[in-house]
């Protein structure tokens, strides 16, 4: 069983020393940006919130830890810039923007539910929990150690062989075909949203609601 007191909140590995993590160099005394959830925040009495990984106009993605499964996860939070503000952990719609905030939250939940139904696809990170809390919505997905396709290309001298491309991208094409068949359109595929795990598989990340992509 993991010792939660000695969990690095940057990579969710165990660390036995004070100060920066020996695995990822993250210091647990660091704080997330004030607009986002604090380190160690607890969601659903189950998920520990860690480092803020990235954010955009739709919301924020954090590394997290599932205390039931005892495994690192990714937590996606609906937090649309320009439509809401945070007070503590709670999120509130800006004055006069409640309808837009609620409408986009429904789109966020619909996207999460669609991804959860497609969790058997090999080229996405499976979504396995969706919930509403703190006046907003969240979904939780599995996570893998990975680097972006851009970094992978740099490490490979800026080019890939045909065989590498075939092995990496054929599962992506199959996954996109299945997603498009149920009207899930990514609209933001790039060398940053494509990641390569330590298992050598290419996966598509960075899904967003259509309203964010077309804003």
C-alpha atoms as a PDB file:
ATOM      1  CA  UNK A   1       0.000   0.000   0.000  1.00  0.00           C
ATOM      2  CA  UNK A   2       1.284   3.440  -0.910  1.00  0.00           C
ATOM      3  CA  UNK A   3       2.455   5.745   1.860  1.00  0.00           C
ATOM      4  CA  UNK A   4       0.464   8.888   1.029  1.00  0.00           C
ATOM      5  CA  UNK A   5       2.670  11.021   3.288  1.00  0.00           C
ATOM      6  CA  UNK A   6       5.649  10.250   1.069  1.00  0.00           C
ATOM      7  CA  UNK A   7       3.916  10.601  -2.292  1.00  0.00           C
ATOM      8  CA  UNK A   8       5.460  13.006  -4.789  1.00  0.00           C
ATOM      9  CA  UNK A   9       2.659  15.270  -6.011  1.00  0.00           C
ATOM     10  CA  UNK A  10       4.488  15.837  -9.286  1.00  0.00           C
ATOM     11  CA  UNK A  11       4.730  12.228 -10.485  1.00  0.00           C
ATOM     12  CA  UNK A  12       2.820  10.257  -7.802  1.00  0.00           C
ATOM     13  CA  UNK A  13       5.775   8.022  -7.018  1.00  0.00           C
ATOM     14  CA  UNK A  14       7.017   7.263  -3.531  1.00  0.00           C
ATOM     15  CA  UNK A  15       9.893   9.391  -2.267  1.00  0.00           C
ATOM     16  CA  UNK A  16      11.781   8.872   0.975  1.00  0.00           C
ATOM     17  CA  UNK A  17      13.636  12.176   1.158  1.00  0.00           C
ATOM     18  CA  UNK A  18      12.685  15.766   1.903  1.00  0.00           C
ATOM     19  CA  UNK A  19      12.933  18.350  -0.842  1.00  0.00           C
ATOM     20  CA  UNK A  20      12.746  17.750  -4.593  1.00  0.00           C
ATOM     21  CA  UNK A  21      11.610  14.351  -5.825  1.00  0.00           C
ATOM     22  CA  UNK A  22      14.502  12.115  -6.967  1.00  0.00           C
ATOM     23  CA  UNK A  23      12.330  10.864  -9.849  1.00  0.00           C
ATOM     24  CA  UNK A  24      10.950  14.106 -11.342  1.00  0.00           C
ATOM     25  CA  UNK A  25      12.581  16.920  -9.303  1.00  0.00           C
ATOM     26  CA  UNK A  26       9.179  18.281  -8.207  1.00  0.00           C
ATOM     27  CA  UNK A  27       9.058  19.836  -4.728  1.00  0.00           C
ATOM     28  CA  UNK A  28       5.845  19.192  -2.761  1.00  0.00           C
ATOM     29  CA  UNK A  29       6.191  22.649  -1.204  1.00  0.00           C
ATOM     30  CA  UNK A  30       5.428  24.125  -4.638  1.00  0.00           C
ATOM     31  CA  UNK A  31       1.886  25.398  -5.140  1.00  0.00           C
ATOM     32  CA  UNK A  32      -0.396  25.295  -8.165  1.00  0.00           C
ATOM     33  CA  UNK A  33      -1.470  28.607  -9.643  1.00  0.00           C
ATOM     34  CA  UNK A  34      -4.075  30.281  -7.420  1.00  0.00           C
ATOM     35  CA  UNK A  35      -6.774  29.950 -10.103  1.00  0.00           C
ATOM     36  CA  UNK A  36      -6.626  26.172  -9.867  1.00  0.00           C
ATOM     37  CA  UNK A  37      -7.031  23.428  -7.276  1.00  0.00           C
ATOM     38  CA  UNK A  38      -4.484  23.302  -4.488  1.00  0.00           C
ATOM     39  CA  UNK A  39      -2.032  20.461  -4.141  1.00  0.00           C
ATOM     40  CA  UNK A  40      -3.453  17.688  -1.917  1.00  0.00           C
ATOM     41  CA  UNK A  41      -7.068  18.709  -2.593  1.00  0.00           C
ATOM     42  CA  UNK A  42      -9.318  15.653  -2.349  1.00  0.00           C
ATOM     43  CA  UNK A  43     -12.083  14.879  -4.827  1.00  0.00           C
ATOM     44  CA  UNK A  44     -14.868  12.358  -4.184  1.00  0.00           C
ATOM     45  CA  UNK A  45     -13.007  11.346  -1.001  1.00  0.00           C
ATOM     46  CA  UNK A  46     -10.876   9.284  -3.377  1.00  0.00           C
ATOM     47  CA  UNK A  47      -8.623  11.311  -5.679  1.00  0.00           C
ATOM     48  CA  UNK A  48      -5.642  13.335  -4.463  1.00  0.00           C
ATOM     49  CA  UNK A  49      -4.928  16.335  -6.683  1.00  0.00           C
ATOM     50  CA  UNK A  50      -1.314  16.871  -7.636  1.00  0.00           C
ATOM     51  CA  UNK A  51       0.613  19.124  -9.975  1.00  0.00           C
ATOM     52  CA  UNK A  52      -1.227  21.187 -12.586  1.00  0.00           C
ATOM     53  CA  UNK A  53      -0.084  19.696 -15.902  1.00  0.00           C
ATOM     54  CA  UNK A  54      -1.685  22.103 -18.361  1.00  0.00           C
ATOM     55  CA  UNK A  55      -4.738  24.265 -18.932  1.00  0.00           C
ATOM     56  CA  UNK A  56      -6.629  25.903 -21.777  1.00  0.00           C
ATOM     57  CA  UNK A  57      -9.888  27.741 -22.354  1.00  0.00           C
ATOM     58  CA  UNK A  58     -11.947  24.670 -21.413  1.00  0.00           C
ATOM     59  CA  UNK A  59     -10.270  23.695 -18.159  1.00  0.00           C
ATOM     60  CA  UNK A  60      -7.299  22.192 -16.377  1.00  0.00           C
ATOM     61  CA  UNK A  61      -5.567  18.831 -16.224  1.00  0.00           C
ATOM     62  CA  UNK A  62      -3.847  17.644 -13.054  1.00  0.00           C
ATOM     63  CA  UNK A  63      -1.867  14.587 -12.205  1.00  0.00           C
ATOM     64  CA  UNK A  64      -3.727  12.778  -9.458  1.00  0.00           C
ATOM     65  CA  UNK A  65      -3.688   9.664  -7.328  1.00  0.00           C
ATOM     66  CA  UNK A  66      -6.542   7.188  -7.016  1.00  0.00           C
ATOM     67  CA  UNK A  67      -6.452   6.005  -3.407  1.00  0.00           C
ATOM     68  CA  UNK A  68      -8.768   3.081  -4.158  1.00  0.00           C
ATOM     69  CA  UNK A  69      -6.817   1.691  -7.101  1.00  0.00           C
ATOM     70  CA  UNK A  70      -3.518   2.996  -5.665  1.00  0.00           C
ATOM     71  CA  UNK A  71      -2.450   4.309  -9.036  1.00  0.00           C
ATOM     72  CA  UNK A  72      -1.586   7.631 -10.701  1.00  0.00           C
ATOM     73  CA  UNK A  73      -4.334   9.156 -12.842  1.00  0.00           C
ATOM     74  CA  UNK A  74      -5.085  12.262 -14.848  1.00  0.00           C
ATOM     75  CA  UNK A  75      -7.896  14.510 -13.598  1.00  0.00           C
ATOM     76  CA  UNK A  76      -9.580  16.872 -16.039  1.00  0.00           C
ATOM     77  CA  UNK A  77     -11.524  19.789 -14.520  1.00  0.00           C
ATOM     78  CA  UNK A  78     -14.077  21.938 -16.314  1.00  0.00           C
ATOM     79  CA  UNK A  79     -12.918  25.500 -15.659  1.00  0.00           C
ATOM     80  CA  UNK A  80     -13.637  27.676 -18.713  1.00  0.00           C
ATOM     81  CA  UNK A  81     -11.654  30.888 -18.748  1.00  0.00           C
ATOM     82  CA  UNK A  82     -13.799  33.971 -19.068  1.00  0.00           C
ATOM     83  CA  UNK A  83     -16.933  32.248 -17.761  1.00  0.00           C
ATOM     84  CA  UNK A  84     -16.160  31.518 -14.115  1.00  0.00           C
ATOM     85  CA  UNK A  85     -14.010  32.124 -11.066  1.00  0.00           C
ATOM     86  CA  UNK A  86     -12.832  30.062  -8.110  1.00  0.00           C
ATOM     87  CA  UNK A  87     -13.278  30.711  -4.412  1.00  0.00           C
ATOM     88  CA  UNK A  88     -11.365  28.054  -2.510  1.00  0.00           C
ATOM     89  CA  UNK A  89     -12.197  24.795  -4.245  1.00  0.00           C
ATOM     90  CA  UNK A  90     -15.642  26.009  -5.379  1.00  0.00           C
ATOM     91  CA  UNK A  91     -16.204  27.289  -8.921  1.00  0.00           C
ATOM     92  CA  UNK A  92     -18.854  29.910  -9.714  1.00  0.00           C
ATOM     93  CA  UNK A  93     -20.129  31.270 -13.016  1.00  0.00           C
ATOM     94  CA  UNK A  94     -19.357  34.927 -13.648  1.00  0.00           C
ATOM     95  CA  UNK A  95     -22.276  37.297 -13.333  1.00  0.00           C
ATOM     96  CA  UNK A  96     -24.574  37.068 -16.337  1.00  0.00           C
ATOM     97  CA  UNK A  97     -22.788  34.007 -17.758  1.00  0.00           C
ATOM     98  CA  UNK A  98     -24.513  31.194 -15.882  1.00  0.00           C
ATOM     99  CA  UNK A  99     -26.348  29.917 -18.968  1.00  0.00           C
ATOM    100  CA  UNK A 100     -23.168  29.702 -21.044  1.00  0.00           C
ATOM    101  CA  UNK A 101     -21.253  28.124 -18.159  1.00  0.00           C
ATOM    102  CA  UNK A 102     -23.936  25.466 -17.629  1.00  0.00           C
ATOM    103  CA  UNK A 103     -24.352  24.794 -21.348  1.00  0.00           C
ATOM    104  CA  UNK A 104     -20.639  24.215 -21.851  1.00  0.00           C
ATOM    105  CA  UNK A 105     -20.501  22.056 -18.717  1.00  0.00           C
ATOM    106  CA  UNK A 106     -23.096  19.764 -20.292  1.00  0.00           C
ATOM    107  CA  UNK A 107     -20.902  19.558 -23.411  1.00  0.00           C
ATOM    108  CA  UNK A 108     -17.921  18.705 -21.185  1.00  0.00           C
ATOM    109  CA  UNK A 109     -19.847  15.907 -19.467  1.00  0.00           C
ATOM    110  CA  UNK A 110     -21.143  14.593 -22.794  1.00  0.00           C
ATOM    111  CA  UNK A 111     -17.598  14.452 -24.157  1.00  0.00           C
ATOM    112  CA  UNK A 112     -16.378  12.642 -21.039  1.00  0.00           C
ATOM    113  CA  UNK A 113     -19.199  10.113 -21.301  1.00  0.00           C
ATOM    114  CA  UNK A 114     -18.455   9.500 -24.977  1.00  0.00           C
ATOM    115  CA  UNK A 115     -14.776   8.907 -24.204  1.00  0.00           C
ATOM    116  CA  UNK A 116     -15.708   6.579 -21.355  1.00  0.00           C
ATOM    117  CA  UNK A 117     -17.849   4.501 -23.720  1.00  0.00           C
ATOM    118  CA  UNK A 118     -14.856   4.218 -26.077  1.00  0.00           C
ATOM    119  CA  UNK A 119     -12.356   3.184 -23.412  1.00  0.00           C
ATOM    120  CA  UNK A 120     -11.562  -0.049 -25.264  1.00  0.00           C
ATOM    121  CA  UNK A 121      -9.786   1.958 -27.959  1.00  0.00           C
ATOM    122  CA  UNK A 122      -6.043   1.474 -27.671  1.00  0.00           C
ATOM    123  CA  UNK A 123      -4.926   4.946 -28.739  1.00  0.00           C
ATOM    124  CA  UNK A 124      -6.621   7.072 -26.064  1.00  0.00           C
ATOM    125  CA  UNK A 125      -6.253   7.239 -22.295  1.00  0.00           C
ATOM    126  CA  UNK A 126      -9.301   5.366 -20.917  1.00  0.00           C
ATOM    127  CA  UNK A 127     -11.794   7.476 -18.954  1.00  0.00           C
ATOM    128  CA  UNK A 128     -13.190   5.550 -16.011  1.00  0.00           C
ATOM    129  CA  UNK A 129     -14.855   8.069 -13.687  1.00  0.00           C
ATOM    130  CA  UNK A 130     -17.008  11.154 -14.257  1.00  0.00           C
ATOM    131  CA  UNK A 131     -18.535  13.302 -11.532  1.00  0.00           C
ATOM    132  CA  UNK A 132     -19.672  16.785 -10.506  1.00  0.00           C
ATOM    133  CA  UNK A 133     -18.267  18.514  -7.441  1.00  0.00           C
ATOM    134  CA  UNK A 134     -17.243  22.011  -6.319  1.00  0.00           C
ATOM    135  CA  UNK A 135     -19.802  23.573  -8.685  1.00  0.00           C
ATOM    136  CA  UNK A 136     -18.045  22.093 -11.712  1.00  0.00           C
ATOM    137  CA  UNK A 137     -17.360  18.750 -13.425  1.00  0.00           C
ATOM    138  CA  UNK A 138     -14.459  16.325 -13.649  1.00  0.00           C
ATOM    139  CA  UNK A 139     -13.403  13.182 -15.413  1.00  0.00           C
ATOM    140  CA  UNK A 140     -10.621  10.802 -14.470  1.00  0.00           C
ATOM    141  CA  UNK A 141      -8.540   8.826 -16.920  1.00  0.00           C
ATOM    142  CA  UNK A 142      -5.726   6.357 -16.706  1.00  0.00           C
ATOM    143  CA  UNK A 143      -2.280   7.754 -17.356  1.00  0.00           C
ATOM    144  CA  UNK A 144       1.026   6.499 -18.714  1.00  0.00           C
ATOM    145  CA  UNK A 145       4.614   7.669 -18.534  1.00  0.00           C
ATOM    146  CA  UNK A 146       5.151   9.356 -21.854  1.00  0.00           C
ATOM    147  CA  UNK A 147       6.744  12.078 -23.930  1.00  0.00           C
ATOM    148  CA  UNK A 148       5.137  14.170 -26.651  1.00  0.00           C
ATOM    149  CA  UNK A 149       5.512  13.187 -30.287  1.00  0.00           C
ATOM    150  CA  UNK A 150       7.435  16.440 -30.762  1.00  0.00           C
ATOM    151  CA  UNK A 151      10.040  15.403 -28.170  1.00  0.00           C
ATOM    152  CA  UNK A 152      10.166  11.898 -29.652  1.00  0.00           C
ATOM    153  CA  UNK A 153      10.887  13.372 -33.091  1.00  0.00           C
ATOM    154  CA  UNK A 154      13.656  15.549 -31.664  1.00  0.00           C
ATOM    155  CA  UNK A 155      15.238  12.496 -30.029  1.00  0.00           C
ATOM    156  CA  UNK A 156      15.070  10.701 -33.383  1.00  0.00           C
ATOM    157  CA  UNK A 157      16.800  13.457 -35.307  1.00  0.00           C
ATOM    158  CA  UNK A 158      13.590  14.973 -36.659  1.00  0.00           C
ATOM    159  CA  UNK A 159      12.565  12.035 -38.835  1.00  0.00           C
ATOM    160  CA  UNK A 160      10.907   8.626 -38.551  1.00  0.00           C
ATOM    161  CA  UNK A 161      11.188   5.635 -40.837  1.00  0.00           C
ATOM    162  CA  UNK A 162       8.156   4.418 -42.771  1.00  0.00           C
ATOM    163  CA  UNK A 163       7.982   1.343 -40.544  1.00  0.00           C
ATOM    164  CA  UNK A 164       8.016   3.490 -37.396  1.00  0.00           C
ATOM    165  CA  UNK A 165       5.246   5.673 -38.802  1.00  0.00           C
ATOM    166  CA  UNK A 166       3.171   2.659 -39.806  1.00  0.00           C
ATOM    167  CA  UNK A 167       3.426   1.032 -36.379  1.00  0.00           C
ATOM    168  CA  UNK A 168       2.745   4.264 -34.491  1.00  0.00           C
ATOM    169  CA  UNK A 169      -0.042   5.776 -36.576  1.00  0.00           C
ATOM    170  CA  UNK A 170      -2.185   2.870 -37.745  1.00  0.00           C
ATOM    171  CA  UNK A 171      -3.809   2.466 -34.285  1.00  0.00           C
ATOM    172  CA  UNK A 172      -4.400   6.246 -34.227  1.00  0.00           C
ATOM    173  CA  UNK A 173      -6.207   6.063 -37.573  1.00  0.00           C
ATOM    174  CA  UNK A 174      -8.383   3.189 -36.353  1.00  0.00           C
ATOM    175  CA  UNK A 175      -9.183   5.081 -33.149  1.00  0.00           C
ATOM    176  CA  UNK A 176     -10.048   8.289 -35.012  1.00  0.00           C
ATOM    177  CA  UNK A 177     -12.375   6.380 -37.310  1.00  0.00           C
ATOM    178  CA  UNK A 178     -14.207   4.922 -34.302  1.00  0.00           C
ATOM    179  CA  UNK A 179     -14.406   8.316 -32.558  1.00  0.00           C
ATOM    180  CA  UNK A 180     -15.676  10.093 -35.664  1.00  0.00           C
ATOM    181  CA  UNK A 181     -18.371   7.434 -36.055  1.00  0.00           C
ATOM    182  CA  UNK A 182     -19.874   8.606 -32.749  1.00  0.00           C
ATOM    183  CA  UNK A 183     -19.326  12.321 -33.527  1.00  0.00           C
ATOM    184  CA  UNK A 184     -16.318  12.796 -31.247  1.00  0.00           C
ATOM    185  CA  UNK A 185     -14.079  15.169 -33.210  1.00  0.00           C
ATOM    186  CA  UNK A 186     -10.756  16.131 -31.643  1.00  0.00           C
ATOM    187  CA  UNK A 187     -10.063  19.320 -33.667  1.00  0.00           C
ATOM    188  CA  UNK A 188      -6.636  19.785 -32.109  1.00  0.00           C
ATOM    189  CA  UNK A 189      -4.333  16.953 -33.182  1.00  0.00           C
ATOM    190  CA  UNK A 190      -0.721  18.068 -32.997  1.00  0.00           C
ATOM    191  CA  UNK A 191       2.756  16.843 -31.998  1.00  0.00           C
ATOM    192  CA  UNK A 192       1.883  18.031 -28.467  1.00  0.00           C
ATOM    193  CA  UNK A 193      -1.436  16.201 -28.115  1.00  0.00           C
ATOM    194  CA  UNK A 194       0.034  12.957 -29.471  1.00  0.00           C
ATOM    195  CA  UNK A 195       2.124  11.178 -26.834  1.00  0.00           C
ATOM    196  CA  UNK A 196       4.314   8.082 -26.886  1.00  0.00           C
ATOM    197  CA  UNK A 197       4.273   5.883 -23.793  1.00  0.00           C
ATOM    198  CA  UNK A 198       7.102   3.770 -22.483  1.00  0.00           C
ATOM    199  CA  UNK A 199       5.271   0.827 -24.032  1.00  0.00           C
ATOM    200  CA  UNK A 200       5.976   2.340 -27.457  1.00  0.00           C
ATOM    201  CA  UNK A 201       2.323   3.096 -28.217  1.00  0.00           C
ATOM    202  CA  UNK A 202       1.122   6.408 -29.631  1.00  0.00           C
ATOM    203  CA  UNK A 203      -1.948   7.895 -27.953  1.00  0.00           C
ATOM    204  CA  UNK A 204      -4.139  10.904 -28.613  1.00  0.00           C
ATOM    205  CA  UNK A 205      -4.731  13.274 -25.690  1.00  0.00           C
ATOM    206  CA  UNK A 206      -5.998  16.825 -25.203  1.00  0.00           C
ATOM    207  CA  UNK A 207      -9.667  16.349 -26.057  1.00  0.00           C
ATOM    208  CA  UNK A 208     -11.791  19.496 -25.692  1.00  0.00           C
ATOM    209  CA  UNK A 209     -15.386  20.505 -26.248  1.00  0.00           C
ATOM    210  CA  UNK A 210     -16.205  21.961 -29.657  1.00  0.00           C
ATOM    211  CA  UNK A 211     -16.975  25.376 -28.144  1.00  0.00           C
ATOM    212  CA  UNK A 212     -13.357  25.688 -26.994  1.00  0.00           C
ATOM    213  CA  UNK A 213     -11.846  24.549 -30.288  1.00  0.00           C
ATOM    214  CA  UNK A 214     -13.925  26.997 -32.322  1.00  0.00           C
ATOM    215  CA  UNK A 215     -13.734  29.979 -29.954  1.00  0.00           C
END
